[in-house]
Amino acid sequence: MTTDMVNEQRVISSSPKPVGGGIREGRAKLAAVSEAPEEKKRKKPGKLVLIIAAVVVLALAGAAYFFLLKPSGGETKGPPPPPAPVPGTVLTIDPVSVNLANGHYLRLGLALQLTKEVKEAPDSARALDHAITVFSGHTVQEVTDPKTREQLKEKLVKELDKAYDGEVMDVYLTDYVTQ
């Protein structure tokens, strides 16, 4: 039986040890053998370094594209927008009475802000027609509410811009009285 133990110790250690006294040394050798795979794991940082380096290179390439090559968000592929119109003369229109709901009326005076390109004053009848269409039929409470009045004015500006082919850029309310 002692021969089997010696053979066992020879497998674990490189030199023969006496039976019974070499248990501590055998355990130390076992610990050294079990540490050997950890050392091999520690010796493989090449793959980890390679992966980290690849990630860093990709991040730098993405940053370079974003800051150097990517077109800015403000650029568009279509033609540039037309320049803003330059204000020209103001055409004042005599006040007109507009029928409101429930028998009330609105005395409405307008002034049209024309663009600088307009050489001759346009006919004001179209502007009055559109103003009457936009403001008539509303209640006194609606037309006296500042928010609603501003919405009606913006609607009138859009309609006059279309009706006068861009010659009118804004509308001023010069007379605004309800009864």
Protein backbone atom coordinates (compact mmCIF):
# COMPACT_ATOMS: atom_id res chain seq x y z
CA MET A 1 0.00 0.00 0.00
CA THR A 2 2.83 2.40 0.62
CA THR A 3 4.06 1.82 -2.88
CA ASP A 4 0.79 3.12 -4.29
CA MET A 5 1.08 6.31 -2.28
CA VAL A 6 4.58 6.90 -3.47
CA ASN A 7 3.47 6.44 -7.03
CA GLU A 8 0.70 8.90 -6.36
CA GLN A 9 3.16 11.41 -4.97
CA ARG A 10 5.41 10.98 -7.96
CA VAL A 11 2.55 11.94 -10.21
CA ILE A 12 1.89 15.11 -8.21
CA SER A 13 5.46 16.11 -7.43
CA SER A 14 8.66 15.88 -9.41
CA SER A 15 10.70 14.18 -6.67
CA PRO A 16 9.78 11.28 -4.36
CA LYS A 17 8.83 12.26 -0.80
CA PRO A 18 8.55 10.17 2.27
CA VAL A 19 5.12 8.88 3.13
CA GLY A 20 3.23 10.93 5.72
CA GLY A 21 5.62 13.88 5.92
CA GLY A 22 5.02 15.24 2.44
CA ILE A 23 1.30 16.05 2.71
CA ARG A 24 1.88 19.77 3.19
CA GLU A 25 4.31 19.86 0.31
CA GLY A 26 1.83 17.97 -1.87
CA ARG A 27 -0.88 20.48 -1.11
CA ALA A 28 1.48 23.32 -1.93
CA LYS A 29 2.25 21.69 -5.27
CA LEU A 30 -1.48 21.21 -5.90
CA ALA A 31 -2.02 24.90 -5.21
CA ALA A 32 0.81 25.75 -7.58
CA VAL A 33 -0.68 23.50 -10.27
CA SER A 34 -4.14 25.07 -9.77
CA GLU A 35 -2.63 28.58 -10.05
CA ALA A 36 -1.03 27.79 -13.35
CA PRO A 37 -4.25 28.29 -15.42
CA GLU A 38 -4.75 31.71 -13.79
CA GLU A 39 -1.28 32.72 -14.89
CA LYS A 40 -2.13 31.57 -18.40
CA LYS A 41 -5.26 33.71 -18.24
CA ARG A 42 -3.17 36.65 -17.14
CA LYS A 43 -0.80 36.12 -19.99
CA LYS A 44 -3.61 36.61 -22.58
CA PRO A 45 -4.17 40.36 -22.34
CA GLY A 46 -3.29 40.63 -26.03
CA LYS A 47 -6.84 39.76 -27.11
CA LEU A 48 -8.40 42.12 -24.57
CA VAL A 49 -6.05 44.94 -25.56
CA LEU A 50 -6.84 44.29 -29.21
CA ILE A 51 -10.61 44.49 -28.57
CA ILE A 52 -10.27 47.69 -26.52
CA ALA A 53 -8.06 49.24 -29.20
CA ALA A 54 -10.60 48.36 -31.90
CA VAL A 55 -13.43 49.98 -29.90
CA VAL A 56 -11.36 53.14 -29.35
CA VAL A 57 -10.47 53.35 -33.06
CA LEU A 58 -14.14 52.97 -34.05
CA ALA A 59 -15.17 55.66 -31.54
CA LEU A 60 -12.53 58.04 -32.89
CA ALA A 61 -13.61 57.36 -36.47
CA GLY A 62 -17.24 58.08 -35.58
CA ALA A 63 -16.29 61.31 -33.83
CA ALA A 64 -14.17 62.40 -36.80
CA TYR A 65 -17.07 61.77 -39.19
CA PHE A 66 -19.53 63.61 -36.95
CA PHE A 67 -17.37 66.71 -36.48
CA LEU A 68 -15.49 66.89 -39.78
CA LEU A 69 -17.36 65.18 -42.61
CA LYS A 70 -21.06 65.18 -41.73
CA PRO A 71 -22.97 68.12 -43.27
CA SER A 72 -24.50 70.49 -40.76
CA GLY A 73 -28.24 70.25 -40.03
CA GLY A 74 -28.88 73.74 -41.41
CA GLU A 75 -28.01 72.79 -44.98
CA THR A 76 -30.80 71.70 -47.27
CA LYS A 77 -30.58 70.02 -50.64
CA GLY A 78 -33.18 72.26 -52.27
CA PRO A 79 -32.82 75.83 -53.44
CA PRO A 80 -32.24 78.45 -50.75
CA PRO A 81 -35.36 80.12 -49.36
CA PRO A 82 -36.24 83.47 -50.87
CA PRO A 83 -35.05 86.50 -48.90
CA ALA A 84 -37.48 88.15 -46.54
CA PRO A 85 -39.45 90.97 -48.19
CA VAL A 86 -38.31 94.52 -47.54
CA PRO A 87 -41.06 96.84 -46.26
CA GLY A 88 -42.17 99.55 -48.63
CA THR A 89 -45.04 102.02 -48.41
CA VAL A 90 -48.14 101.70 -46.24
CA LEU A 91 -51.52 101.92 -47.96
CA THR A 92 -54.24 103.23 -45.61
CA ILE A 93 -57.81 102.06 -46.29
CA ASP A 94 -60.86 103.96 -45.02
CA PRO A 95 -62.74 102.20 -42.19
CA VAL A 96 -65.67 99.93 -43.03
CA SER A 97 -68.47 98.52 -40.86
CA VAL A 98 -68.58 94.73 -40.57
CA ASN A 99 -71.70 92.91 -39.36
CA LEU A 100 -71.14 90.71 -36.31
CA ALA A 101 -73.43 88.14 -34.71
CA ASN A 102 -76.56 89.22 -32.76
CA GLY A 103 -76.99 92.56 -34.53
CA HIS A 104 -73.65 94.03 -33.47
CA TYR A 105 -71.08 95.52 -35.76
CA LEU A 106 -67.36 96.21 -35.95
CA ARG A 107 -65.88 99.39 -37.38
CA LEU A 108 -62.65 98.18 -38.99
CA GLY A 109 -59.91 100.35 -40.44
CA LEU A 110 -56.91 98.78 -42.21
CA ALA A 111 -53.49 99.77 -43.44
CA LEU A 112 -51.58 97.44 -45.75
CA GLN A 113 -47.79 97.16 -45.43
CA LEU A 114 -46.63 96.76 -49.01
CA THR A 115 -43.27 95.36 -50.08
CA LYS A 116 -40.57 97.61 -51.53
CA GLU A 117 -41.00 96.02 -54.97
CA VAL A 118 -44.54 97.46 -55.32
CA LYS A 119 -44.33 100.54 -57.54
CA GLU A 120 -48.04 101.36 -57.82
CA ALA A 121 -50.63 101.18 -55.02
CA PRO A 122 -52.92 98.16 -55.52
CA ASP A 123 -56.70 98.31 -55.50
CA SER A 124 -57.93 98.25 -51.90
CA ALA A 125 -61.34 96.69 -52.74
CA ARG A 126 -59.90 93.14 -52.56
CA ALA A 127 -58.44 93.85 -49.10
CA LEU A 128 -61.79 95.12 -47.81
CA ASP A 129 -63.61 92.12 -49.27
CA HIS A 130 -61.25 89.70 -47.51
CA ALA A 131 -61.45 91.66 -44.23
CA ILE A 132 -65.24 91.57 -44.27
CA THR A 133 -65.18 87.81 -44.97
CA VAL A 134 -62.72 87.09 -42.15
CA PHE A 135 -64.27 89.30 -39.43
CA SER A 136 -68.04 89.09 -40.12
CA GLY A 137 -70.29 86.71 -38.24
CA HIS A 138 -68.20 86.57 -35.06
CA THR A 139 -69.56 87.60 -31.68
CA VAL A 140 -68.48 90.79 -29.89
CA GLN A 141 -66.73 88.64 -27.27
CA GLU A 142 -64.68 86.90 -29.98
CA VAL A 143 -63.52 90.03 -31.78
CA THR A 144 -62.68 91.86 -28.54
CA ASP A 145 -60.63 88.96 -27.17
CA PRO A 146 -56.97 89.87 -27.91
CA LYS A 147 -56.01 86.28 -28.73
CA THR A 148 -58.89 85.78 -31.18
CA ARG A 149 -58.34 89.23 -32.72
CA GLU A 150 -54.68 88.32 -33.39
CA GLN A 151 -55.72 85.00 -34.97
CA LEU A 152 -58.21 86.79 -37.25
CA LYS A 153 -55.55 89.32 -38.22
CA GLU A 154 -53.04 86.54 -39.07
CA LYS A 155 -55.68 84.83 -41.20
CA LEU A 156 -56.34 88.11 -43.02
CA VAL A 157 -52.59 88.61 -43.65
CA LYS A 158 -52.31 85.12 -45.18
CA GLU A 159 -55.34 85.69 -47.43
CA LEU A 160 -54.08 89.10 -48.58
CA ASP A 161 -50.62 87.67 -49.28
CA LYS A 162 -52.27 85.18 -51.66
CA ALA A 163 -54.70 87.71 -53.13
CA TYR A 164 -51.99 90.29 -53.87
CA ASP A 165 -49.31 87.77 -54.95
CA GLY A 166 -46.88 88.60 -52.14
CA GLU A 167 -47.16 92.38 -52.48
CA VAL A 168 -48.77 92.74 -48.99
CA MET A 169 -46.51 91.60 -46.16
CA ASP A 170 -48.53 92.78 -43.12
CA VAL A 171 -51.81 94.39 -42.05
CA TYR A 172 -52.27 97.05 -39.39
CA LEU A 173 -55.62 97.55 -37.70
CA THR A 174 -56.02 101.34 -37.60
CA ASP A 175 -59.65 101.47 -36.45
CA TYR A 176 -61.26 98.74 -34.33
CA VAL A 177 -64.51 99.66 -32.58
CA THR A 178 -67.36 97.30 -31.67
CA GLN A 179 -70.97 98.14 -30.83
